[in-house]
mmCIF file of all heavy atoms, coordinates in Angstrom:
data_MODEL
# 
_entry.id   MODEL 
# 
loop_
_atom_site.group_PDB 
_atom_site.id 
_atom_site.type_symbol 
_atom_site.label_atom_id 
_atom_site.label_alt_id 
_atom_site.label_comp_id 
_atom_site.label_asym_id 
_atom_site.label_entity_id 
_atom_site.label_seq_id 
_atom_site.pdbx_PDB_ins_code 
_atom_site.Cartn_x 
_atom_site.Cartn_y 
_atom_site.Cartn_z 
_atom_site.occupancy 
_atom_site.B_iso_or_equiv 
_atom_site.pdbx_formal_charge 
_atom_site.auth_seq_id 
_atom_site.auth_comp_id 
_atom_site.auth_asym_id 
_atom_site.auth_atom_id 
_atom_site.pdbx_PDB_model_num 
ATOM 1   N N   . ALA A 1 1  ? -49.673 118.857 34.050 1.00 0.00 ? 1  ALA A N   1 
ATOM 2   C CA  . ALA A 1 1  ? -50.409 118.581 32.807 1.00 0.00 ? 1  ALA A CA  1 
ATOM 3   C C   . ALA A 1 1  ? -51.535 117.586 33.067 1.00 0.00 ? 1  ALA A C   1 
ATOM 4   O O   . ALA A 1 1  ? -52.650 117.758 32.573 1.00 0.00 ? 1  ALA A O   1 
ATOM 5   C CB  . ALA A 1 1  ? -49.460 118.055 31.737 1.00 0.00 ? 1  ALA A CB  1 
ATOM 6   N N   . LEU A 1 2  ? -51.262 116.557 33.864 1.00 0.00 ? 2  LEU A N   1 
ATOM 7   C CA  . LEU A 1 2  ? -52.302 115.585 34.186 1.00 0.00 ? 2  LEU A CA  1 
ATOM 8   C C   . LEU A 1 2  ? -53.406 116.213 35.036 1.00 0.00 ? 2  LEU A C   1 
ATOM 9   O O   . LEU A 1 2  ? -54.579 115.921 34.843 1.00 0.00 ? 2  LEU A O   1 
ATOM 10  C CB  . LEU A 1 2  ? -51.712 114.371 34.890 1.00 0.00 ? 2  LEU A CB  1 
ATOM 11  C CG  . LEU A 1 2  ? -50.918 113.420 33.998 1.00 0.00 ? 2  LEU A CG  1 
ATOM 12  C CD1 . LEU A 1 2  ? -50.244 112.333 34.824 1.00 0.00 ? 2  LEU A CD1 1 
ATOM 13  C CD2 . LEU A 1 2  ? -51.807 112.808 32.935 1.00 0.00 ? 2  LEU A CD2 1 
ATOM 14  N N   . GLN A 1 3  ? -53.017 117.083 35.967 1.00 0.00 ? 3  GLN A N   1 
ATOM 15  C CA  . GLN A 1 3  ? -54.020 117.770 36.778 1.00 0.00 ? 3  GLN A CA  1 
ATOM 16  C C   . GLN A 1 3  ? -54.904 118.661 35.908 1.00 0.00 ? 3  GLN A C   1 
ATOM 17  O O   . GLN A 1 3  ? -56.113 118.723 36.097 1.00 0.00 ? 3  GLN A O   1 
ATOM 18  C CB  . GLN A 1 3  ? -53.356 118.616 37.862 1.00 0.00 ? 3  GLN A CB  1 
ATOM 19  C CG  . GLN A 1 3  ? -52.805 117.809 39.009 1.00 0.00 ? 3  GLN A CG  1 
ATOM 20  C CD  . GLN A 1 3  ? -52.074 118.680 40.009 1.00 0.00 ? 3  GLN A CD  1 
ATOM 21  O OE1 . GLN A 1 3  ? -51.650 119.790 39.709 1.00 0.00 ? 3  GLN A OE1 1 
ATOM 22  N NE2 . GLN A 1 3  ? -51.919 118.167 41.225 1.00 0.00 ? 3  GLN A NE2 1 
ATOM 23  N N   . ALA A 1 4  ? -54.279 119.333 34.951 1.00 0.00 ? 4  ALA A N   1 
ATOM 24  C CA  . ALA A 1 4  ? -55.058 120.188 34.043 1.00 0.00 ? 4  ALA A CA  1 
ATOM 25  C C   . ALA A 1 4  ? -55.988 119.329 33.190 1.00 0.00 ? 4  ALA A C   1 
ATOM 26  O O   . ALA A 1 4  ? -57.155 119.684 32.974 1.00 0.00 ? 4  ALA A O   1 
ATOM 27  C CB  . ALA A 1 4  ? -54.118 121.002 33.155 1.00 0.00 ? 4  ALA A CB  1 
ATOM 28  N N   . LEU A 1 5  ? -55.501 118.183 32.724 1.00 0.00 ? 5  LEU A N   1 
ATOM 29  C CA  . LEU A 1 5  ? -56.314 117.278 31.918 1.00 0.00 ? 5  LEU A CA  1 
ATOM 30  C C   . LEU A 1 5  ? -57.503 116.760 32.719 1.00 0.00 ? 5  LEU A C   1 
ATOM 31  O O   . LEU A 1 5  ? -58.613 116.623 32.201 1.00 0.00 ? 5  LEU A O   1 
ATOM 32  C CB  . LEU A 1 5  ? -55.450 116.124 31.420 1.00 0.00 ? 5  LEU A CB  1 
ATOM 33  C CG  . LEU A 1 5  ? -56.008 115.220 30.335 1.00 0.00 ? 5  LEU A CG  1 
ATOM 34  C CD1 . LEU A 1 5  ? -56.339 116.012 29.085 1.00 0.00 ? 5  LEU A CD1 1 
ATOM 35  C CD2 . LEU A 1 5  ? -55.027 114.110 30.014 1.00 0.00 ? 5  LEU A CD2 1 
ATOM 36  N N   . GLU A 1 6  ? -57.292 116.509 34.020 1.00 0.00 ? 6  GLU A N   1 
ATOM 37  C CA  . GLU A 1 6  ? -58.371 116.042 34.897 1.00 0.00 ? 6  GLU A CA  1 
ATOM 38  C C   . GLU A 1 6  ? -59.490 117.056 35.027 1.00 0.00 ? 6  GLU A C   1 
ATOM 39  O O   . GLU A 1 6  ? -60.632 116.695 35.294 1.00 0.00 ? 6  GLU A O   1 
ATOM 40  C CB  . GLU A 1 6  ? -57.833 115.760 36.305 1.00 0.00 ? 6  GLU A CB  1 
ATOM 41  C CG  . GLU A 1 6  ? -57.095 114.481 36.448 1.00 0.00 ? 6  GLU A CG  1 
ATOM 42  C CD  . GLU A 1 6  ? -56.576 114.286 37.870 1.00 0.00 ? 6  GLU A CD  1 
ATOM 43  O OE1 . GLU A 1 6  ? -56.590 115.243 38.675 1.00 0.00 ? 6  GLU A OE1 1 
ATOM 44  O OE2 . GLU A 1 6  ? -56.155 113.175 38.175 1.00 0.00 ? 6  GLU A OE2 1 
ATOM 45  N N   . GLN A 1 7  ? -59.176 118.330 34.865 1.00 0.00 ? 7  GLN A N   1 
ATOM 46  C CA  . GLN A 1 7  ? -60.177 119.374 35.054 1.00 0.00 ? 7  GLN A CA  1 
ATOM 47  C C   . GLN A 1 7  ? -61.098 119.541 33.842 1.00 0.00 ? 7  GLN A C   1 
ATOM 48  O O   . GLN A 1 7  ? -62.085 120.263 33.925 1.00 0.00 ? 7  GLN A O   1 
ATOM 49  C CB  . GLN A 1 7  ? -59.490 120.699 35.390 1.00 0.00 ? 7  GLN A CB  1 
ATOM 50  C CG  . GLN A 1 7  ? -58.803 120.652 36.737 1.00 0.00 ? 7  GLN A CG  1 
ATOM 51  C CD  . GLN A 1 7  ? -58.136 121.966 37.089 1.00 0.00 ? 7  GLN A CD  1 
ATOM 52  O OE1 . GLN A 1 7  ? -58.574 123.029 36.674 1.00 0.00 ? 7  GLN A OE1 1 
ATOM 53  N NE2 . GLN A 1 7  ? -57.060 121.887 37.862 1.00 0.00 ? 7  GLN A NE2 1 
ATOM 54  N N   . LEU A 1 8  ? -60.768 118.879 32.744 1.00 0.00 ? 8  LEU A N   1 
ATOM 55  C CA  . LEU A 1 8  ? -61.635 118.960 31.573 1.00 0.00 ? 8  LEU A CA  1 
ATOM 56  C C   . LEU A 1 8  ? -62.827 118.030 31.741 1.00 0.00 ? 8  LEU A C   1 
ATOM 57  O O   . LEU A 1 8  ? -62.710 116.966 32.337 1.00 0.00 ? 8  LEU A O   1 
ATOM 58  C CB  . LEU A 1 8  ? -60.863 118.545 30.314 1.00 0.00 ? 8  LEU A CB  1 
ATOM 59  C CG  . LEU A 1 8  ? -59.660 119.390 29.918 1.00 0.00 ? 8  LEU A CG  1 
ATOM 60  C CD1 . LEU A 1 8  ? -59.035 118.838 28.641 1.00 0.00 ? 8  LEU A CD1 1 
ATOM 61  C CD2 . LEU A 1 8  ? -60.041 120.843 29.735 1.00 0.00 ? 8  LEU A CD2 1 
ATOM 62  N N   . PRO A 1 9  ? -63.983 118.411 31.197 1.00 0.00 ? 9  PRO A N   1 
ATOM 63  C CA  . PRO A 1 9  ? -65.135 117.503 31.221 1.00 0.00 ? 9  PRO A CA  1 
ATOM 64  C C   . PRO A 1 9  ? -64.817 116.227 30.447 1.00 0.00 ? 9  PRO A C   1 
ATOM 65  O O   . PRO A 1 9  ? -63.962 116.234 29.555 1.00 0.00 ? 9  PRO A O   1 
ATOM 66  C CB  . PRO A 1 9  ? -66.238 118.308 30.507 1.00 0.00 ? 9  PRO A CB  1 
ATOM 67  C CG  . PRO A 1 9  ? -65.779 119.721 30.529 1.00 0.00 ? 9  PRO A CG  1 
ATOM 68  C CD  . PRO A 1 9  ? -64.290 119.707 30.587 1.00 0.00 ? 9  PRO A CD  1 
ATOM 69  N N   . PRO A 1 10 ? -65.489 115.118 30.755 1.00 0.00 ? 10 PRO A N   1 
ATOM 70  C CA  . PRO A 1 10 ? -65.147 113.821 30.153 1.00 0.00 ? 10 PRO A CA  1 
ATOM 71  C C   . PRO A 1 10 ? -65.111 113.808 28.623 1.00 0.00 ? 10 PRO A C   1 
ATOM 72  O O   . PRO A 1 10 ? -64.175 113.278 28.040 1.00 0.00 ? 10 PRO A O   1 
ATOM 73  C CB  . PRO A 1 10 ? -66.243 112.882 30.663 1.00 0.00 ? 10 PRO A CB  1 
ATOM 74  C CG  . PRO A 1 10 ? -66.741 113.524 31.905 1.00 0.00 ? 10 PRO A CG  1 
ATOM 75  C CD  . PRO A 1 10 ? -66.567 114.990 31.725 1.00 0.00 ? 10 PRO A CD  1 
ATOM 76  N N   . ARG A 1 11 ? -66.087 114.387 27.972 1.00 0.00 ? 11 ARG A N   1 
ATOM 77  C CA  . ARG A 1 11 ? -66.117 114.365 26.506 1.00 0.00 ? 11 ARG A CA  1 
ATOM 78  C C   . ARG A 1 11 ? -64.951 115.178 25.936 1.00 0.00 ? 11 ARG A C   1 
ATOM 79  O O   . ARG A 1 11 ? -64.271 114.745 25.016 1.00 0.00 ? 11 ARG A O   1 
ATOM 80  C CB  . ARG A 1 11 ? -67.458 114.908 26.006 1.00 0.00 ? 11 ARG A CB  1 
ATOM 81  C CG  . ARG A 1 11 ? -67.542 115.107 24.505 1.00 0.00 ? 11 ARG A CG  1 
ATOM 82  C CD  . ARG A 1 11 ? -67.669 113.838 23.746 1.00 0.00 ? 11 ARG A CD  1 
ATOM 83  N NE  . ARG A 1 11 ? -69.039 113.398 23.791 1.00 0.00 ? 11 ARG A NE  1 
ATOM 84  C CZ  . ARG A 1 11 ? -69.485 112.361 23.128 1.00 0.00 ? 11 ARG A CZ  1 
ATOM 85  N NH1 . ARG A 1 11 ? -68.688 111.671 22.369 1.00 0.00 ? 11 ARG A NH1 1 
ATOM 86  N NH2 . ARG A 1 11 ? -70.720 111.994 23.228 1.00 0.00 ? 11 ARG A NH2 1 
ATOM 87  N N   . MET A 1 12 ? -64.706 116.341 26.497 1.00 0.00 ? 12 MET A N   1 
ATOM 88  C CA  . MET A 1 12 ? -63.619 117.198 26.043 1.00 0.00 ? 12 MET A CA  1 
ATOM 89  C C   . MET A 1 12 ? -62.278 116.509 26.260 1.00 0.00 ? 12 MET A C   1 
ATOM 90  O O   . MET A 1 12 ? -61.389 116.542 25.409 1.00 0.00 ? 12 MET A O   1 
ATOM 91  C CB  . MET A 1 12 ? -63.660 118.536 26.783 1.00 0.00 ? 12 MET A CB  1 
ATOM 92  C CG  . MET A 1 12 ? -62.738 119.598 26.233 1.00 0.00 ? 12 MET A CG  1 
ATOM 93  S SD  . MET A 1 12 ? -62.879 121.147 27.155 1.00 0.00 ? 12 MET A SD  1 
ATOM 94  C CE  . MET A 1 12 ? -64.507 121.700 26.645 1.00 0.00 ? 12 MET A CE  1 
ATOM 95  N N   . ARG A 1 13 ? -62.147 115.865 27.404 1.00 0.00 ? 13 ARG A N   1 
ATOM 96  C CA  . ARG A 1 13 ? -60.916 115.150 27.723 1.00 0.00 ? 13 ARG A CA  1 
ATOM 97  C C   . ARG A 1 13 ? -60.686 114.006 26.749 1.00 0.00 ? 13 ARG A C   1 
ATOM 98  O O   . ARG A 1 13 ? -59.581 113.803 26.255 1.00 0.00 ? 13 ARG A O   1 
ATOM 99  C CB  . ARG A 1 13 ? -61.020 114.607 29.145 1.00 0.00 ? 13 ARG A CB  1 
ATOM 100 C CG  . ARG A 1 13 ? -59.797 113.912 29.624 1.00 0.00 ? 13 ARG A CG  1 
ATOM 101 C CD  . ARG A 1 13 ? -59.995 113.497 31.049 1.00 0.00 ? 13 ARG A CD  1 
ATOM 102 N NE  . ARG A 1 13 ? -58.821 112.860 31.572 1.00 0.00 ? 13 ARG A NE  1 
ATOM 103 C CZ  . ARG A 1 13 ? -58.596 112.648 32.829 1.00 0.00 ? 13 ARG A CZ  1 
ATOM 104 N NH1 . ARG A 1 13 ? -59.474 113.033 33.729 1.00 0.00 ? 13 ARG A NH1 1 
ATOM 105 N NH2 . ARG A 1 13 ? -57.505 112.054 33.231 1.00 0.00 ? 13 ARG A NH2 1 
ATOM 106 N N   . ALA A 1 14 ? -61.750 113.268 26.420 1.00 0.00 ? 14 ALA A N   1 
ATOM 107 C CA  . ALA A 1 14 ? -61.630 112.171 25.462 1.00 0.00 ? 14 ALA A CA  1 
ATOM 108 C C   . ALA A 1 14 ? -61.194 112.691 24.099 1.00 0.00 ? 14 ALA A C   1 
ATOM 109 O O   . ALA A 1 14 ? -60.331 112.091 23.435 1.00 0.00 ? 14 ALA A O   1 
ATOM 110 C CB  . ALA A 1 14 ? -62.950 111.414 25.357 1.00 0.00 ? 14 ALA A CB  1 
ATOM 111 N N   . VAL A 1 15 ? -61.755 113.818 23.668 1.00 0.00 ? 15 VAL A N   1 
ATOM 112 C CA  . VAL A 1 15 ? -61.373 114.397 22.381 1.00 0.00 ? 15 VAL A CA  1 
ATOM 113 C C   . VAL A 1 15 ? -59.901 114.788 22.384 1.00 0.00 ? 15 VAL A C   1 
ATOM 114 O O   . VAL A 1 15 ? -59.156 114.473 21.445 1.00 0.00 ? 15 VAL A O   1 
ATOM 115 C CB  . VAL A 1 15 ? -62.263 115.619 22.036 1.00 0.00 ? 15 VAL A CB  1 
ATOM 116 C CG1 . VAL A 1 15 ? -61.698 116.400 20.857 1.00 0.00 ? 15 VAL A CG1 1 
ATOM 117 C CG2 . VAL A 1 15 ? -63.682 115.183 21.734 1.00 0.00 ? 15 VAL A CG2 1 
ATOM 118 N N   . VAL A 1 16 ? -59.445 115.446 23.443 1.00 0.00 ? 16 VAL A N   1 
ATOM 119 C CA  . VAL A 1 16 ? -58.044 115.877 23.520 1.00 0.00 ? 16 VAL A CA  1 
ATOM 120 C C   . VAL A 1 16 ? -57.113 114.663 23.527 1.00 0.00 ? 16 VAL A C   1 
ATOM 121 O O   . VAL A 1 16 ? -56.102 114.639 22.822 1.00 0.00 ? 16 VAL A O   1 
ATOM 122 C CB  . VAL A 1 16 ? -57.812 116.773 24.761 1.00 0.00 ? 16 VAL A CB  1 
ATOM 123 C CG1 . VAL A 1 16 ? -56.335 117.018 24.999 1.00 0.00 ? 16 VAL A CG1 1 
ATOM 124 C CG2 . VAL A 1 16 ? -58.557 118.093 24.598 1.00 0.00 ? 16 VAL A CG2 1 
ATOM 125 N N   . VAL A 1 17 ? -57.456 113.630 24.290 1.00 0.00 ? 17 VAL A N   1 
ATOM 126 C CA  . VAL A 1 17 ? -56.610 112.429 24.341 1.00 0.00 ? 17 VAL A CA  1 
ATOM 127 C C   . VAL A 1 17 ? -56.563 111.747 22.978 1.00 0.00 ? 17 VAL A C   1 
ATOM 128 O O   . VAL A 1 17 ? -55.493 111.389 22.487 1.00 0.00 ? 17 VAL A O   1 
ATOM 129 C CB  . VAL A 1 17 ? -57.110 111.442 25.428 1.00 0.00 ? 17 VAL A CB  1 
ATOM 130 C CG1 . VAL A 1 17 ? -56.438 110.093 25.294 1.00 0.00 ? 17 VAL A CG1 1 
ATOM 131 C CG2 . VAL A 1 17 ? -56.856 112.023 26.815 1.00 0.00 ? 17 VAL A CG2 1 
ATOM 132 N N   . LEU A 1 18 ? -57.713 111.577 22.350 1.00 0.00 ? 18 LEU A N   1 
ATOM 133 C CA  . LEU A 1 18 ? -57.745 110.888 21.060 1.00 0.00 ? 18 LEU A CA  1 
ATOM 134 C C   . LEU A 1 18 ? -57.063 111.697 19.966 1.00 0.00 ? 18 LEU A C   1 
ATOM 135 O O   . LEU A 1 18 ? -56.358 111.137 19.121 1.00 0.00 ? 18 LEU A O   1 
ATOM 136 C CB  . LEU A 1 18 ? -59.190 110.564 20.656 1.00 0.00 ? 18 LEU A CB  1 
ATOM 137 C CG  . LEU A 1 18 ? -59.895 109.536 21.534 1.00 0.00 ? 18 LEU A CG  1 
ATOM 138 C CD1 . LEU A 1 18 ? -61.360 109.413 21.127 1.00 0.00 ? 18 LEU A CD1 1 
ATOM 139 C CD2 . LEU A 1 18 ? -59.205 108.183 21.468 1.00 0.00 ? 18 LEU A CD2 1 
ATOM 140 N N   . ARG A 1 19 ? -57.231 113.010 19.960 1.00 0.00 ? 19 ARG A N   1 
ATOM 141 C CA  . ARG A 1 19 ? -56.623 113.842 18.921 1.00 0.00 ? 19 ARG A CA  1 
ATOM 142 C C   . ARG A 1 19 ? -55.133 114.039 19.161 1.00 0.00 ? 19 ARG A C   1 
ATOM 143 O O   . ARG A 1 19 ? -54.339 113.870 18.246 1.00 0.00 ? 19 ARG A O   1 
ATOM 144 C CB  . ARG A 1 19 ? -57.318 115.219 18.871 1.00 0.00 ? 19 ARG A CB  1 
ATOM 145 C CG  . ARG A 1 19 ? -58.707 115.200 18.343 1.00 0.00 ? 19 ARG A CG  1 
ATOM 146 C CD  . ARG A 1 19 ? -58.787 115.152 16.827 1.00 0.00 ? 19 ARG A CD  1 
ATOM 147 N NE  . ARG A 1 19 ? -58.244 116.361 16.235 1.00 0.00 ? 19 ARG A NE  1 
ATOM 148 C CZ  . ARG A 1 19 ? -57.353 116.352 15.256 1.00 0.00 ? 19 ARG A CZ  1 
ATOM 149 N NH1 . ARG A 1 19 ? -56.927 115.245 14.732 1.00 0.00 ? 19 ARG A NH1 1 
ATOM 150 N NH2 . ARG A 1 19 ? -56.887 117.487 14.768 1.00 0.00 ? 19 ARG A NH2 1 
ATOM 151 N N   . CYS A 1 20 ? -54.758 114.408 20.377 1.00 0.00 ? 20 CYS A N   1 
ATOM 152 C CA  . CYS A 1 20 ? -53.370 114.793 20.638 1.00 0.00 ? 20 CYS A CA  1 
ATOM 153 C C   . CYS A 1 20 ? -52.467 113.622 21.005 1.00 0.00 ? 20 CYS A C   1 
ATOM 154 O O   . CYS A 1 20 ? -51.311 113.588 20.610 1.00 0.00 ? 20 CYS A O   1 
ATOM 155 C CB  . CYS A 1 20 ? -53.323 115.852 21.733 1.00 0.00 ? 20 CYS A CB  1 
ATOM 156 S SG  . CYS A 1 20 ? -54.199 117.349 21.271 1.00 0.00 ? 20 CYS A SG  1 
ATOM 157 N N   . TYR A 1 21 ? -52.952 112.690 21.779 1.00 0.00 ? 21 TYR A N   1 
ATOM 158 C CA  . TYR A 1 21 ? -52.114 111.574 22.197 1.00 0.00 ? 21 TYR A CA  1 
ATOM 159 C C   . TYR A 1 21 ? -52.169 110.427 21.195 1.00 0.00 ? 21 TYR A C   1 
ATOM 160 O O   . TYR A 1 21 ? -51.158 109.904 20.777 1.00 0.00 ? 21 TYR A O   1 
ATOM 161 C CB  . TYR A 1 21 ? -52.522 111.076 23.586 1.00 0.00 ? 21 TYR A CB  1 
ATOM 162 C CG  . TYR A 1 21 ? -51.675 109.912 24.036 1.00 0.00 ? 21 TYR A CG  1 
ATOM 163 C CD1 . TYR A 1 21 ? -50.362 110.116 24.460 1.00 0.00 ? 21 TYR A CD1 1 
ATOM 164 C CD2 . TYR A 1 21 ? -52.150 108.620 23.987 1.00 0.00 ? 21 TYR A CD2 1 
ATOM 165 C CE1 . TYR A 1 21 ? -49.566 109.052 24.839 1.00 0.00 ? 21 TYR A CE1 1 
ATOM 166 C CE2 . TYR A 1 21 ? -51.354 107.555 24.360 1.00 0.00 ? 21 TYR A CE2 1 
ATOM 167 C CZ  . TYR A 1 21 ? -50.071 107.771 24.788 1.00 0.00 ? 21 TYR A CZ  1 
ATOM 168 O OH  . TYR A 1 21 ? -49.282 106.718 25.148 1.00 0.00 ? 21 TYR A OH  1 
ATOM 169 N N   . GLU A 1 22 ? -53.370 110.038 20.805 1.00 0.00 ? 22 GLU A N   1 
ATOM 170 C CA  . GLU A 1 22 ? -53.528 108.926 19.872 1.00 0.00 ? 22 GLU A CA  1 
ATOM 171 C C   . GLU A 1 22 ? -53.285 109.357 18.427 1.00 0.00 ? 22 GLU A C   1 
ATOM 172 O O   . GLU A 1 22 ? -53.070 108.526 17.573 1.00 0.00 ? 22 GLU A O   1 
ATOM 173 C CB  . GLU A 1 22 ? -54.924 108.313 19.995 1.00 0.00 ? 22 GLU A CB  1 
ATOM 174 C CG  . GLU A 1 22 ? -55.081 107.422 21.187 1.00 0.00 ? 22 GLU A CG  1 
ATOM 175 C CD  . GLU A 1 22 ? -54.327 106.114 21.042 1.00 0.00 ? 22 GLU A CD  1 
ATOM 176 O OE1 . GLU A 1 22 ? -54.704 105.281 20.215 1.00 0.00 ? 22 GLU A OE1 1 
ATOM 177 O OE2 . GLU A 1 22 ? -53.345 105.946 21.788 1.00 0.00 ? 22 GLU A OE2 1 
ATOM 178 N N   . GLY A 1 23 ? -53.366 110.649 18.144 1.00 0.00 ? 23 GLY A N   1 
ATOM 179 C CA  . GLY A 1 23 ? -53.097 111.148 16.807 1.00 0.00 ? 23 GLY A CA  1 
ATOM 180 C C   . GLY A 1 23 ? -54.191 110.840 15.793 1.00 0.00 ? 23 GLY A C   1 
ATOM 181 O O   . GLY A 1 23 ? -53.927 110.760 14.597 1.00 0.00 ? 23 GLY A O   1 
ATOM 182 N N   . LEU A 1 24 ? -55.422 110.683 16.265 1.00 0.00 ? 24 LEU A N   1 
ATOM 183 C CA  . LEU A 1 24 ? -56.523 110.420 15.352 1.00 0.00 ? 24 LEU A CA  1 
ATOM 184 C C   . LEU A 1 24 ? -56.916 111.703 14.615 1.00 0.00 ? 24 LEU A C   1 
ATOM 185 O O   . LEU A 1 24 ? -56.753 112.800 15.149 1.00 0.00 ? 24 LEU A O   1 
ATOM 186 C CB  . LEU A 1 24 ? -57.745 109.892 16.111 1.00 0.00 ? 24 LEU A CB  1 
ATOM 187 C CG  . LEU A 1 24 ? -57.601 108.559 16.841 1.00 0.00 ? 24 LEU A CG  1 
ATOM 188 C CD1 . LEU A 1 24 ? -58.934 108.155 17.440 1.00 0.00 ? 24 LEU A CD1 1 
ATOM 189 C CD2 . LEU A 1 24 ? -57.098 107.478 15.916 1.00 0.00 ? 24 LEU A CD2 1 
ATOM 190 N N   . THR A 1 25 ? -57.448 111.547 13.422 1.00 0.00 ? 25 THR A N   1 
ATOM 191 C CA  . THR A 1 25 ? -57.970 112.695 12.698 1.00 0.00 ? 25 THR A CA  1 
ATOM 192 C C   . THR A 1 25 ? -59.278 113.119 13.347 1.00 0.00 ? 25 THR A C   1 
ATOM 193 O O   . THR A 1 25 ? -59.839 112.392 14.173 1.00 0.00 ? 25 THR A O   1 
ATOM 194 C CB  . THR A 1 25 ? -58.231 112.342 11.222 1.00 0.00 ? 25 THR A CB  1 
ATOM 195 O OG1 . THR A 1 25 ? -59.272 111.355 11.160 1.00 0.00 ? 25 THR A OG1 1 
ATOM 196 C CG2 . THR A 1 25 ? -56.975 111.835 10.536 1.00 0.00 ? 25 THR A CG2 1 
ATOM 197 N N   . GLU A 1 26 ? -59.776 114.270 12.926 1.00 0.00 ? 26 GLU A N   1 
ATOM 198 C CA  . GLU A 1 26 ? -61.051 114.734 13.470 1.00 0.00 ? 26 GLU A CA  1 
ATOM 199 C C   . GLU A 1 26 ? -62.171 113.757 13.116 1.00 0.00 ? 26 GLU A C   1 
ATOM 200 O O   . GLU A 1 26 ? -63.027 113.455 13.944 1.00 0.00 ? 26 GLU A O   1 
ATOM 201 C CB  . GLU A 1 26 ? -61.367 116.131 12.936 1.00 0.00 ? 26 GLU A CB  1 
ATOM 202 C CG  . GLU A 1 26 ? -60.432 117.181 13.498 1.00 0.00 ? 26 GLU A CG  1 
ATOM 203 C CD  . GLU A 1 26 ? -60.496 118.501 12.756 1.00 0.00 ? 26 GLU A CD  1 
ATOM 204 O OE1 . GLU A 1 26 ? -60.952 118.540 11.590 1.00 0.00 ? 26 GLU A OE1 1 
ATOM 205 O OE2 . GLU A 1 26 ? -60.064 119.501 13.340 1.00 0.00 ? 26 GLU A OE2 1 
ATOM 206 N N   . ALA A 1 27 ? -62.148 113.252 11.884 1.00 0.00 ? 27 ALA A N   1 
ATOM 207 C CA  . ALA A 1 27 ? -63.184 112.315 11.449 1.00 0.00 ? 27 ALA A CA  1 
ATOM 208 C C   . ALA A 1 27 ? -63.111 111.005 12.237 1.00 0.00 ? 27 ALA A C   1 
ATOM 209 O O   . ALA A 1 27 ? -64.141 110.454 12.642 1.00 0.00 ? 27 ALA A O   1 
ATOM 210 C CB  . ALA A 1 27 ? -63.051 112.038 9.954  1.00 0.00 ? 27 ALA A CB  1 
ATOM 211 N N   . GLU A 1 28 ? -61.893 110.504 12.464 1.00 0.00 ? 28 GLU A N   1 
ATOM 212 C CA  . GLU A 1 28 ? -61.738 109.264 13.231 1.00 0.00 ? 28 GLU A CA  1 
ATOM 213 C C   . GLU A 1 28 ? -62.198 109.458 14.672 1.00 0.00 ? 28 GLU A C   1 
ATOM 214 O O   . GLU A 1 28 ? -62.845 108.586 15.247 1.00 0.00 ? 28 GLU A O   1 
ATOM 215 C CB  . GLU A 1 28 ? -60.270 108.810 13.204 1.00 0.00 ? 28 GLU A CB  1 
ATOM 216 C CG  . GLU A 1 28 ? -59.795 108.326 11.853 1.00 0.00 ? 28 GLU A CG  1 
ATOM 217 C CD  . GLU A 1 28 ? -58.293 108.136 11.790 1.00 0.00 ? 28 GLU A CD  1 
ATOM 218 O OE1 . GLU A 1 28 ? -57.549 108.804 12.548 1.00 0.00 ? 28 GLU A OE1 1 
ATOM 219 O OE2 . GLU A 1 28 ? -57.850 107.321 10.959 1.00 0.00 ? 28 GLU A OE2 1 
# 
């Protein structure tokens, strides 16, 4: 899972981390 996450571009990875791990809303 971490290897797959590493393969995402930086902006996409930040969005996935903030949305899925941090649980932020789309607006946040």
